[in-house]
Each structure stands twice: as C-alpha cells, then as structure tokens.
Amino acid sequence: MEKIMTDILGYISATLTTIAFLPQIIKTVQTKSAKDVSMGMFVLFTIGVFLWIIYGILTKTYPVLIANAVIFCLALAQIILKIKYDRTVK
C-alpha cells in the first residue's frame, strides 16, 4: 500500500509540474512573442530535465521518467517558439 501511495503522489506531482508549462506555451503562441522568456533559463532547465529522464531510466522511477519526458518536449517547444518569434521581431 505504501508503494501505491508513493506512486500516486509522484504521478500527481508530475502532472502538476508538467501542466505548469502549458500557460507559457499557450501565451507565446497566442501573442507570437517570447521576448520575456529567458533563453538561458530554458536551456539550463531543459538540460536538467534531460538528466532527470536519465535518472528515471536508471532507477526505473516511472513518475519521474514520464513527467520529465513530457516536460522535456514542452520546454523544447518553448525554446523553438522563442527562436522562431525572436527572429520575426528583428
């Protein structure tokens, strides 16, 4: 029972931290602007998330692995949007 409760906690945490990225991506797409998004922060964050993915694989910690795989894709999407919209401004 303890393992199940721990996994549920992990999946809830993973879900919340994953969906936290959606408002920023939606706003970037809607406004076609990412001028206030820090590229340095997102690059460092994305590298950190990639390392969490490796950790999740090595430890078979599926909430960590799944959440960070999704977050990696969302963070990468934000970086791509930043590059795209910063080019169109100049």
PDB file of N, CA and C in Angstrom:
ATOM      1  N   MET A   1       0.827  -1.210   0.000  1.00  0.00           N
ATOM      2  CA  MET A   1       0.000   0.000   0.000  1.00  0.00           C
ATOM      3  C   MET A   1       0.862   1.261   0.000  1.00  0.00           C
ATOM      4  N   GLU A   2       1.972   1.239   0.749  1.00  0.00           N
ATOM      5  CA  GLU A   2       2.855   2.410   0.800  1.00  0.00           C
ATOM      6  C   GLU A   2       3.424   2.737  -0.578  1.00  0.00           C
ATOM      7  N   LYS A   3       3.811   1.716  -1.338  1.00  0.00           N
ATOM      8  CA  LYS A   3       4.360   1.911  -2.692  1.00  0.00           C
ATOM      9  C   LYS A   3       3.311   2.563  -3.593  1.00  0.00           C
ATOM     10  N   ILE A   4       2.054   2.107  -3.491  1.00  0.00           N
ATOM     11  CA  ILE A   4       0.978   2.670  -4.306  1.00  0.00           C
ATOM     12  C   ILE A   4       0.761   4.141  -3.959  1.00  0.00           C
ATOM     13  N   MET A   5       0.741   4.469  -2.682  1.00  0.00           N
ATOM     14  CA  MET A   5       0.546   5.861  -2.260  1.00  0.00           C
ATOM     15  C   MET A   5       1.714   6.734  -2.713  1.00  0.00           C
ATOM     16  N   THR A   6       2.913   6.204  -2.641  1.00  0.00           N
ATOM     17  CA  THR A   6       4.091   6.935  -3.094  1.00  0.00           C
ATOM     18  C   THR A   6       4.018   7.185  -4.590  1.00  0.00           C
ATOM     19  N   ASP A   7       3.609   6.169  -5.354  1.00  0.00           N
ATOM     20  CA  ASP A   7       3.468   6.329  -6.800  1.00  0.00           C
ATOM     21  C   ASP A   7       2.387   7.346  -7.140  1.00  0.00           C
ATOM     22  N   ILE A   8       1.259   7.292  -6.431  1.00  0.00           N
ATOM     23  CA  ILE A   8       0.185   8.261  -6.673  1.00  0.00           C
ATOM     24  C   ILE A   8       0.688   9.676  -6.411  1.00  0.00           C
ATOM     25  N   LEU A   9       1.391   9.870  -5.312  1.00  0.00           N
ATOM     26  CA  LEU A   9       1.979  11.181  -5.011  1.00  0.00           C
ATOM     27  C   LEU A   9       2.913  11.617  -6.137  1.00  0.00           C
ATOM     28  N   GLY A  10       3.728  10.696  -6.615  1.00  0.00           N
ATOM     29  CA  GLY A  10       4.648  11.001  -7.712  1.00  0.00           C
ATOM     30  C   GLY A  10       3.919  11.392  -8.979  1.00  0.00           C
ATOM     31  N   TYR A  11       2.865  10.671  -9.325  1.00  0.00           N
ATOM     32  CA  TYR A  11       2.116  10.985 -10.544  1.00  0.00           C
ATOM     33  C   TYR A  11       1.359  12.308 -10.428  1.00  0.00           C
ATOM     34  N   ILE A  12       0.819  12.607  -9.250  1.00  0.00           N
ATOM     35  CA  ILE A  12       0.141  13.897  -9.055  1.00  0.00           C
ATOM     36  C   ILE A  12       1.152  15.036  -9.174  1.00  0.00           C
ATOM     37  N   SER A  13       2.290  14.892  -8.522  1.00  0.00           N
ATOM     38  CA  SER A  13       3.347  15.910  -8.614  1.00  0.00           C
ATOM     39  C   SER A  13       3.802  16.075 -10.055  1.00  0.00           C
ATOM     40  N   ALA A  14       4.007  14.969 -10.737  1.00  0.00           N
ATOM     41  CA  ALA A  14       4.451  15.001 -12.129  1.00  0.00           C
ATOM     42  C   ALA A  14       3.428  15.704 -13.014  1.00  0.00           C
ATOM     43  N   THR A  15       2.165  15.426 -12.798  1.00  0.00           N
ATOM     44  CA  THR A  15       1.107  16.049 -13.596  1.00  0.00           C
ATOM     45  C   THR A  15       1.086  17.554 -13.390  1.00  0.00           C
ATOM     46  N   LEU A  16       1.156  17.990 -12.146  1.00  0.00           N
ATOM     47  CA  LEU A  16       1.104  19.425 -11.855  1.00  0.00           C
ATOM     48  C   LEU A  16       2.314  20.173 -12.420  1.00  0.00           C
ATOM     49  N   THR A  17       3.502  19.614 -12.243  1.00  0.00           N
ATOM     50  CA  THR A  17       4.682  20.310 -12.752  1.00  0.00           C
ATOM     51  C   THR A  17       4.735  20.284 -14.280  1.00  0.00           C
ATOM     52  N   THR A  18       4.137  19.270 -14.878  1.00  0.00           N
ATOM     53  CA  THR A  18       4.105  19.196 -16.337  1.00  0.00           C
ATOM     54  C   THR A  18       3.143  20.222 -16.911  1.00  0.00           C
ATOM     55  N   ILE A  19       1.926  20.275 -16.381  1.00  0.00           N
ATOM     56  CA  ILE A  19       0.949  21.211 -16.943  1.00  0.00           C
ATOM     57  C   ILE A  19       1.287  22.664 -16.617  1.00  0.00           C
ATOM     58  N   ALA A  20       2.194  22.888 -15.688  1.00  0.00           N
ATOM     59  CA  ALA A  20       2.608  24.252 -15.354  1.00  0.00           C
ATOM     60  C   ALA A  20       3.232  24.956 -16.559  1.00  0.00           C
ATOM     61  N   PHE A  21       3.737  24.205 -17.515  1.00  0.00           N
ATOM     62  CA  PHE A  21       4.360  24.798 -18.703  1.00  0.00           C
ATOM     63  C   PHE A  21       3.343  25.245 -19.740  1.00  0.00           C
ATOM     64  N   LEU A  22       2.174  24.670 -19.726  1.00  0.00           N
ATOM     65  CA  LEU A  22       1.191  24.959 -20.765  1.00  0.00           C
ATOM     66  C   LEU A  22       0.786  26.437 -20.857  1.00  0.00           C
ATOM     67  N   PRO A  23       0.528  27.128 -19.752  1.00  0.00           N
ATOM     68  CA  PRO A  23       0.143  28.540 -19.891  1.00  0.00           C
ATOM     69  C   PRO A  23       1.206  29.386 -20.615  1.00  0.00           C
ATOM     70  N   GLN A  24       2.481  29.138 -20.355  1.00  0.00           N
ATOM     71  CA  GLN A  24       3.539  29.905 -21.021  1.00  0.00           C
ATOM     72  C   GLN A  24       3.566  29.607 -22.514  1.00  0.00           C
ATOM     73  N   ILE A  25       3.457  28.356 -22.868  1.00  0.00           N
ATOM     74  CA  ILE A  25       3.475  27.986 -24.287  1.00  0.00           C
ATOM     75  C   ILE A  25       2.245  28.551 -24.991  1.00  0.00           C
ATOM     76  N   ILE A  26       1.089  28.435 -24.375  1.00  0.00           N
ATOM     77  CA  ILE A  26      -0.142  28.974 -24.973  1.00  0.00           C
ATOM     78  C   ILE A  26      -0.021  30.480 -25.160  1.00  0.00           C
ATOM     79  N   LYS A  27       0.475  31.181 -24.144  1.00  0.00           N
ATOM     80  CA  LYS A  27       0.628  32.634 -24.247  1.00  0.00           C
ATOM     81  C   LYS A  27       1.613  32.999 -25.358  1.00  0.00           C
ATOM     82  N   THR A  28       2.701  32.268 -25.465  1.00  0.00           N
ATOM     83  CA  THR A  28       3.695  32.534 -26.505  1.00  0.00           C
ATOM     84  C   THR A  28       3.086  32.360 -27.888  1.00  0.00           C
ATOM     85  N   VAL A  29       2.315  31.303 -28.075  1.00  0.00           N
ATOM     86  CA  VAL A  29       1.680  31.053 -29.371  1.00  0.00           C
ATOM     87  C   VAL A  29       0.632  32.124 -29.663  1.00  0.00           C
ATOM     88  N   GLN A  30      -0.179  32.477 -28.683  1.00  0.00           N
ATOM     89  CA  GLN A  30      -1.232  33.468 -28.882  1.00  0.00           C
ATOM     90  C   GLN A  30      -0.672  34.851 -29.202  1.00  0.00           C
ATOM     91  N   THR A  31       0.357  35.262 -28.488  1.00  0.00           N
ATOM     92  CA  THR A  31       0.909  36.604 -28.689  1.00  0.00           C
ATOM     93  C   THR A  31       1.981  36.651 -29.769  1.00  0.00           C
ATOM     94  N   LYS A  32       2.443  35.465 -30.179  1.00  0.00           N
ATOM     95  CA  LYS A  32       3.546  35.359 -31.139  1.00  0.00           C
ATOM     96  C   LYS A  32       4.770  36.153 -30.670  1.00  0.00           C
ATOM     97  N   SER A  33       4.964  36.102 -29.341  1.00  0.00           N
ATOM     98  CA  SER A  33       6.081  36.809 -28.737  1.00  0.00           C
ATOM     99  C   SER A  33       6.647  35.988 -27.588  1.00  0.00           C
ATOM    100  N   ALA A  34       7.971  35.944 -27.534  1.00  0.00           N
ATOM    101  CA  ALA A  34       8.646  35.273 -26.426  1.00  0.00           C
ATOM    102  C   ALA A  34       9.735  36.167 -25.863  1.00  0.00           C
ATOM    103  N   LYS A  35       9.545  37.472 -26.029  1.00  0.00           N
ATOM    104  CA  LYS A  35      10.591  38.413 -25.621  1.00  0.00           C
ATOM    105  C   LYS A  35      10.878  38.360 -24.126  1.00  0.00           C
ATOM    106  N   ASP A  36       9.877  38.003 -23.317  1.00  0.00           N
ATOM    107  CA  ASP A  36      10.079  37.959 -21.864  1.00  0.00           C
ATOM    108  C   ASP A  36      10.514  36.584 -21.361  1.00  0.00           C
ATOM    109  N   VAL A  37      10.695  35.645 -22.270  1.00  0.00           N
ATOM    110  CA  VAL A  37      11.124  34.297 -21.904  1.00  0.00           C
ATOM    111  C   VAL A  37      12.650  34.263 -21.931  1.00  0.00           C
ATOM    112  N   SER A  38      13.247  33.793 -20.866  1.00  0.00           N
ATOM    113  CA  SER A  38      14.704  33.720 -20.781  1.00  0.00           C
ATOM    114  C   SER A  38      15.222  32.465 -21.470  1.00  0.00           C
ATOM    115  N   MET A  39      15.966  32.647 -22.550  1.00  0.00           N
ATOM    116  CA  MET A  39      16.540  31.513 -23.272  1.00  0.00           C
ATOM    117  C   MET A  39      17.518  30.753 -22.393  1.00  0.00           C
ATOM    118  N   GLY A  40      18.341  31.461 -21.658  1.00  0.00           N
ATOM    119  CA  GLY A  40      19.317  30.817 -20.786  1.00  0.00           C
ATOM    120  C   GLY A  40      18.653  29.921 -19.757  1.00  0.00           C
ATOM    121  N   MET A  41      17.579  30.408 -19.146  1.00  0.00           N
ATOM    122  CA  MET A  41      16.854  29.613 -18.158  1.00  0.00           C
ATOM    123  C   MET A  41      16.288  28.356 -18.795  1.00  0.00           C
ATOM    124  N   PHE A  42      15.669  28.496 -19.958  1.00  0.00           N
ATOM    125  CA  PHE A  42      15.056  27.333 -20.591  1.00  0.00           C
ATOM    126  C   PHE A  42      16.085  26.324 -21.080  1.00  0.00           C
ATOM    127  N   VAL A  43      17.229  26.774 -21.554  1.00  0.00           N
ATOM    128  CA  VAL A  43      18.271  25.843 -21.990  1.00  0.00           C
ATOM    129  C   VAL A  43      18.800  25.056 -20.786  1.00  0.00           C
ATOM    130  N   LEU A  44      19.123  25.763 -19.703  1.00  0.00           N
ATOM    131  CA  LEU A  44      19.608  25.077 -18.495  1.00  0.00           C
ATOM    132  C   LEU A  44      18.548  24.136 -17.933  1.00  0.00           C
ATOM    133  N   PHE A  45      17.320  24.606 -17.910  1.00  0.00           N
ATOM    134  CA  PHE A  45      16.227  23.789 -17.404  1.00  0.00           C
ATOM    135  C   PHE A  45      16.057  22.522 -18.237  1.00  0.00           C
ATOM    136  N   THR A  46      16.123  22.657 -19.557  1.00  0.00           N
ATOM    137  CA  THR A  46      15.951  21.524 -20.457  1.00  0.00           C
ATOM    138  C   THR A  46      17.072  20.501 -20.274  1.00  0.00           C
ATOM    139  N   ILE A  47      18.279  20.973 -20.087  1.00  0.00           N
ATOM    140  CA  ILE A  47      19.398  20.054 -19.809  1.00  0.00           C
ATOM    141  C   ILE A  47      19.147  19.318 -18.495  1.00  0.00           C
ATOM    142  N   GLY A  48      18.703  20.039 -17.474  1.00  0.00           N
ATOM    143  CA  GLY A  48      18.394  19.414 -16.192  1.00  0.00           C
ATOM    144  C   GLY A  48      17.289  18.375 -16.315  1.00  0.00           C
ATOM    145  N   VAL A  49      16.259  18.690 -17.079  1.00  0.00           N
ATOM    146  CA  VAL A  49      15.159  17.751 -17.292  1.00  0.00           C
ATOM    147  C   VAL A  49      15.657  16.497 -18.020  1.00  0.00           C
ATOM    148  N   PHE A  50      16.539  16.692 -18.989  1.00  0.00           N
ATOM    149  CA  PHE A  50      17.118  15.547 -19.700  1.00  0.00           C
ATOM    150  C   PHE A  50      17.865  14.631 -18.732  1.00  0.00           C
ATOM    151  N   LEU A  51      18.591  15.228 -17.807  1.00  0.00           N
ATOM    152  CA  LEU A  51      19.300  14.436 -16.803  1.00  0.00           C
ATOM    153  C   LEU A  51      18.324  13.705 -15.877  1.00  0.00           C
ATOM    154  N   TRP A  52      17.183  14.335 -15.565  1.00  0.00           N
ATOM    155  CA  TRP A  52      16.152  13.660 -14.780  1.00  0.00           C
ATOM    156  C   TRP A  52      15.586  12.461 -15.541  1.00  0.00           C
ATOM    157  N   ILE A  53      15.469  12.595 -16.860  1.00  0.00           N
ATOM    158  CA  ILE A  53      14.999  11.466 -17.674  1.00  0.00           C
ATOM    159  C   ILE A  53      15.967  10.291 -17.535  1.00  0.00           C
ATOM    160  N   ILE A  54      17.254  10.594 -17.642  1.00  0.00           N
ATOM    161  CA  ILE A  54      18.259   9.534 -17.484  1.00  0.00           C
ATOM    162  C   ILE A  54      18.155   8.915 -16.091  1.00  0.00           C
ATOM    163  N   TYR A  55      18.009   9.743 -15.080  1.00  0.00           N
ATOM    164  CA  TYR A  55      17.841   9.254 -13.709  1.00  0.00           C
ATOM    165  C   TYR A  55      16.612   8.345 -13.603  1.00  0.00           C
ATOM    166  N   GLY A  56      15.507   8.760 -14.187  1.00  0.00           N
ATOM    167  CA  GLY A  56      14.288   7.964 -14.157  1.00  0.00           C
ATOM    168  C   GLY A  56      14.463   6.614 -14.828  1.00  0.00           C
ATOM    169  N   ILE A  57      15.218   6.605 -15.927  1.00  0.00           N
ATOM    170  CA  ILE A  57      15.501   5.344 -16.616  1.00  0.00           C
ATOM    171  C   ILE A  57      16.359   4.440 -15.738  1.00  0.00           C
ATOM    172  N   LEU A  58      17.440   4.998 -15.204  1.00  0.00           N
ATOM    173  CA  LEU A  58      18.369   4.196 -14.406  1.00  0.00           C
ATOM    174  C   LEU A  58      17.750   3.645 -13.123  1.00  0.00           C
ATOM    175  N   THR A  59      16.854   4.418 -12.520  1.00  0.00           N
ATOM    176  CA  THR A  59      16.247   3.991 -11.256  1.00  0.00           C
ATOM    177  C   THR A  59      14.873   3.349 -11.445  1.00  0.00           C
ATOM    178  N   LYS A  60      14.407   3.333 -12.704  1.00  0.00           N
ATOM    179  CA  LYS A  60      13.067   2.805 -13.015  1.00  0.00           C
ATOM    180  C   LYS A  60      11.986   3.520 -12.191  1.00  0.00           C
ATOM    181  N   THR A  61      12.165   4.815 -12.037  1.00  0.00           N
ATOM    182  CA  THR A  61      11.200   5.655 -11.332  1.00  0.00           C
ATOM    183  C   THR A  61      10.283   6.271 -12.385  1.00  0.00           C
ATOM    184  N   TYR A  62       9.172   5.581 -12.651  1.00  0.00           N
ATOM    185  CA  TYR A  62       8.336   5.944 -13.786  1.00  0.00           C
ATOM    186  C   TYR A  62       7.656   7.308 -13.683  1.00  0.00           C
ATOM    187  N   PRO A  63       7.190   7.752 -12.518  1.00  0.00           N
ATOM    188  CA  PRO A  63       6.647   9.117 -12.469  1.00  0.00           C
ATOM    189  C   PRO A  63       7.695  10.161 -12.875  1.00  0.00           C
ATOM    190  N   VAL A  64       8.915   9.980 -12.429  1.00  0.00           N
ATOM    191  CA  VAL A  64       9.999  10.917 -12.779  1.00  0.00           C
ATOM    192  C   VAL A  64      10.284  10.836 -14.278  1.00  0.00           C
ATOM    193  N   LEU A  65      10.374   9.635 -14.795  1.00  0.00           N
ATOM    194  CA  LEU A  65      10.680   9.435 -16.209  1.00  0.00           C
ATOM    195  C   LEU A  65       9.594  10.009 -17.109  1.00  0.00           C
ATOM    196  N   ILE A  66       8.360   9.663 -16.858  1.00  0.00           N
ATOM    197  CA  ILE A  66       7.256  10.095 -17.717  1.00  0.00           C
ATOM    198  C   ILE A  66       7.075  11.611 -17.658  1.00  0.00           C
ATOM    199  N   ALA A  67       7.035  12.155 -16.458  1.00  0.00           N
ATOM    200  CA  ALA A  67       6.833  13.603 -16.320  1.00  0.00           C
ATOM    201  C   ALA A  67       7.948  14.380 -17.000  1.00  0.00           C
ATOM    202  N   ASN A  68       9.171  13.966 -16.783  1.00  0.00           N
ATOM    203  CA  ASN A  68      10.282  14.716 -17.352  1.00  0.00           C
ATOM    204  C   ASN A  68      10.385  14.536 -18.857  1.00  0.00           C
ATOM    205  N   ALA A  69       9.938  13.418 -19.387  1.00  0.00           N
ATOM    206  CA  ALA A  69       9.907  13.246 -20.838  1.00  0.00           C
ATOM    207  C   ALA A  69       8.917  14.235 -21.454  1.00  0.00           C
ATOM    208  N   VAL A  70       7.760  14.377 -20.828  1.00  0.00           N
ATOM    209  CA  VAL A  70       6.758  15.333 -21.329  1.00  0.00           C
ATOM    210  C   VAL A  70       7.258  16.763 -21.136  1.00  0.00           C
ATOM    211  N   ILE A  71       7.803  17.070 -19.960  1.00  0.00           N
ATOM    212  CA  ILE A  71       8.330  18.412 -19.698  1.00  0.00           C
ATOM    213  C   ILE A  71       9.452  18.746 -20.682  1.00  0.00           C
ATOM    214  N   PHE A  72      10.306  17.767 -20.987  1.00  0.00           N
ATOM    215  CA  PHE A  72      11.384  17.985 -21.953  1.00  0.00           C
ATOM    216  C   PHE A  72      10.805  18.435 -23.292  1.00  0.00           C
ATOM    217  N   CYS A  73       9.761  17.757 -23.749  1.00  0.00           N
ATOM    218  CA  CYS A  73       9.135  18.127 -25.027  1.00  0.00           C
ATOM    219  C   CYS A  73       8.534  19.529 -24.963  1.00  0.00           C
ATOM    220  N   LEU A  74       7.874  19.854 -23.856  1.00  0.00           N
ATOM    221  CA  LEU A  74       7.281  21.190 -23.711  1.00  0.00           C
ATOM    222  C   LEU A  74       8.353  22.277 -23.625  1.00  0.00           C
ATOM    223  N   ALA A  75       9.409  22.016 -22.880  1.00  0.00           N
ATOM    224  CA  ALA A  75      10.491  23.004 -22.759  1.00  0.00           C
ATOM    225  C   ALA A  75      11.187  23.196 -24.103  1.00  0.00           C
ATOM    226  N   LEU A  76      11.381  22.102 -24.825  1.00  0.00           N
ATOM    227  CA  LEU A  76      11.986  22.189 -26.161  1.00  0.00           C
ATOM    228  C   LEU A  76      11.077  22.980 -27.100  1.00  0.00           C
ATOM    229  N   ALA A  77       9.773  22.765 -26.990  1.00  0.00           N
ATOM    230  CA  ALA A  77       8.818  23.529 -27.803  1.00  0.00           C
ATOM    231  C   ALA A  77       8.919  25.017 -27.483  1.00  0.00           C
ATOM    232  N   GLN A  78       9.063  25.348 -26.203  1.00  0.00           N
ATOM    233  CA  GLN A  78       9.185  26.768 -25.829  1.00  0.00           C
ATOM    234  C   GLN A  78      10.470  27.374 -26.388  1.00  0.00           C
ATOM    235  N   ILE A  79      11.551  26.621 -26.369  1.00  0.00           N
ATOM    236  CA  ILE A  79      12.813  27.109 -26.943  1.00  0.00           C
ATOM    237  C   ILE A  79      12.647  27.353 -28.440  1.00  0.00           C
ATOM    238  N   ILE A  80      11.994  26.430 -29.126  1.00  0.00           N
ATOM    239  CA  ILE A  80      11.766  26.587 -30.568  1.00  0.00           C
ATOM    240  C   ILE A  80      10.899  27.809 -30.837  1.00  0.00           C
ATOM    241  N   LEU A  81       9.849  27.995 -30.040  1.00  0.00           N
ATOM    242  CA  LEU A  81       8.995  29.176 -30.199  1.00  0.00           C
ATOM    243  C   LEU A  81       9.780  30.459 -29.937  1.00  0.00           C
ATOM    244  N   LYS A  82      10.628  30.439 -28.936  1.00  0.00           N
ATOM    245  CA  LYS A  82      11.464  31.611 -28.619  1.00  0.00           C
ATOM    246  C   LYS A  82      12.342  31.964 -29.814  1.00  0.00           C
ATOM    247  N   ILE A  83      12.999  30.957 -30.371  1.00  0.00           N
ATOM    248  CA  ILE A  83      13.864  31.206 -31.536  1.00  0.00           C
ATOM    249  C   ILE A  83      13.033  31.727 -32.701  1.00  0.00           C
ATOM    250  N   LYS A  84      11.897  31.098 -32.967  1.00  0.00           N
ATOM    251  CA  LYS A  84      11.044  31.482 -34.091  1.00  0.00           C
ATOM    252  C   LYS A  84      10.545  32.924 -33.946  1.00  0.00           C
ATOM    253  N   TYR A  85       9.967  33.246 -32.800  1.00  0.00           N
ATOM    254  CA  TYR A  85       9.376  34.559 -32.628  1.00  0.00           C
ATOM    255  C   TYR A  85      10.404  35.655 -32.421  1.00  0.00           C
ATOM    256  N   ASP A  86      11.562  35.359 -31.849  1.00  0.00           N
ATOM    257  CA  ASP A  86      12.613  36.367 -31.725  1.00  0.00           C
ATOM    258  C   ASP A  86      13.168  36.745 -33.090  1.00  0.00           C
ATOM    259  N   ARG A  87      13.205  35.803 -34.009  1.00  0.00           N
ATOM    260  CA  ARG A  87      13.687  36.104 -35.378  1.00  0.00           C
ATOM    261  C   ARG A  87      12.714  37.001 -36.129  1.00  0.00           C
ATOM    262  N   THR A  88      11.423  36.796 -35.941  1.00  0.00           N
ATOM    263  CA  THR A  88      10.438  37.572 -36.681  1.00  0.00           C
ATOM    264  C   THR A  88      10.352  39.012 -36.187  1.00  0.00           C
ATOM    265  N   VAL A  89      10.764  39.270 -34.956  1.00  0.00           N
ATOM    266  CA  VAL A  89      10.733  40.623 -34.392  1.00  0.00           C
ATOM    267  C   VAL A  89      11.817  41.488 -34.984  1.00  0.00           C
ATOM    268  N   LYS A  90      12.976  40.909 -35.232  1.00  0.00           N
ATOM    269  CA  LYS A  90      14.135  41.690 -35.671  1.00  0.00           C
ATOM    270  C   LYS A  90      14.087  42.058 -37.106  1.00  0.00           C
TER     271      LYS A  90
END
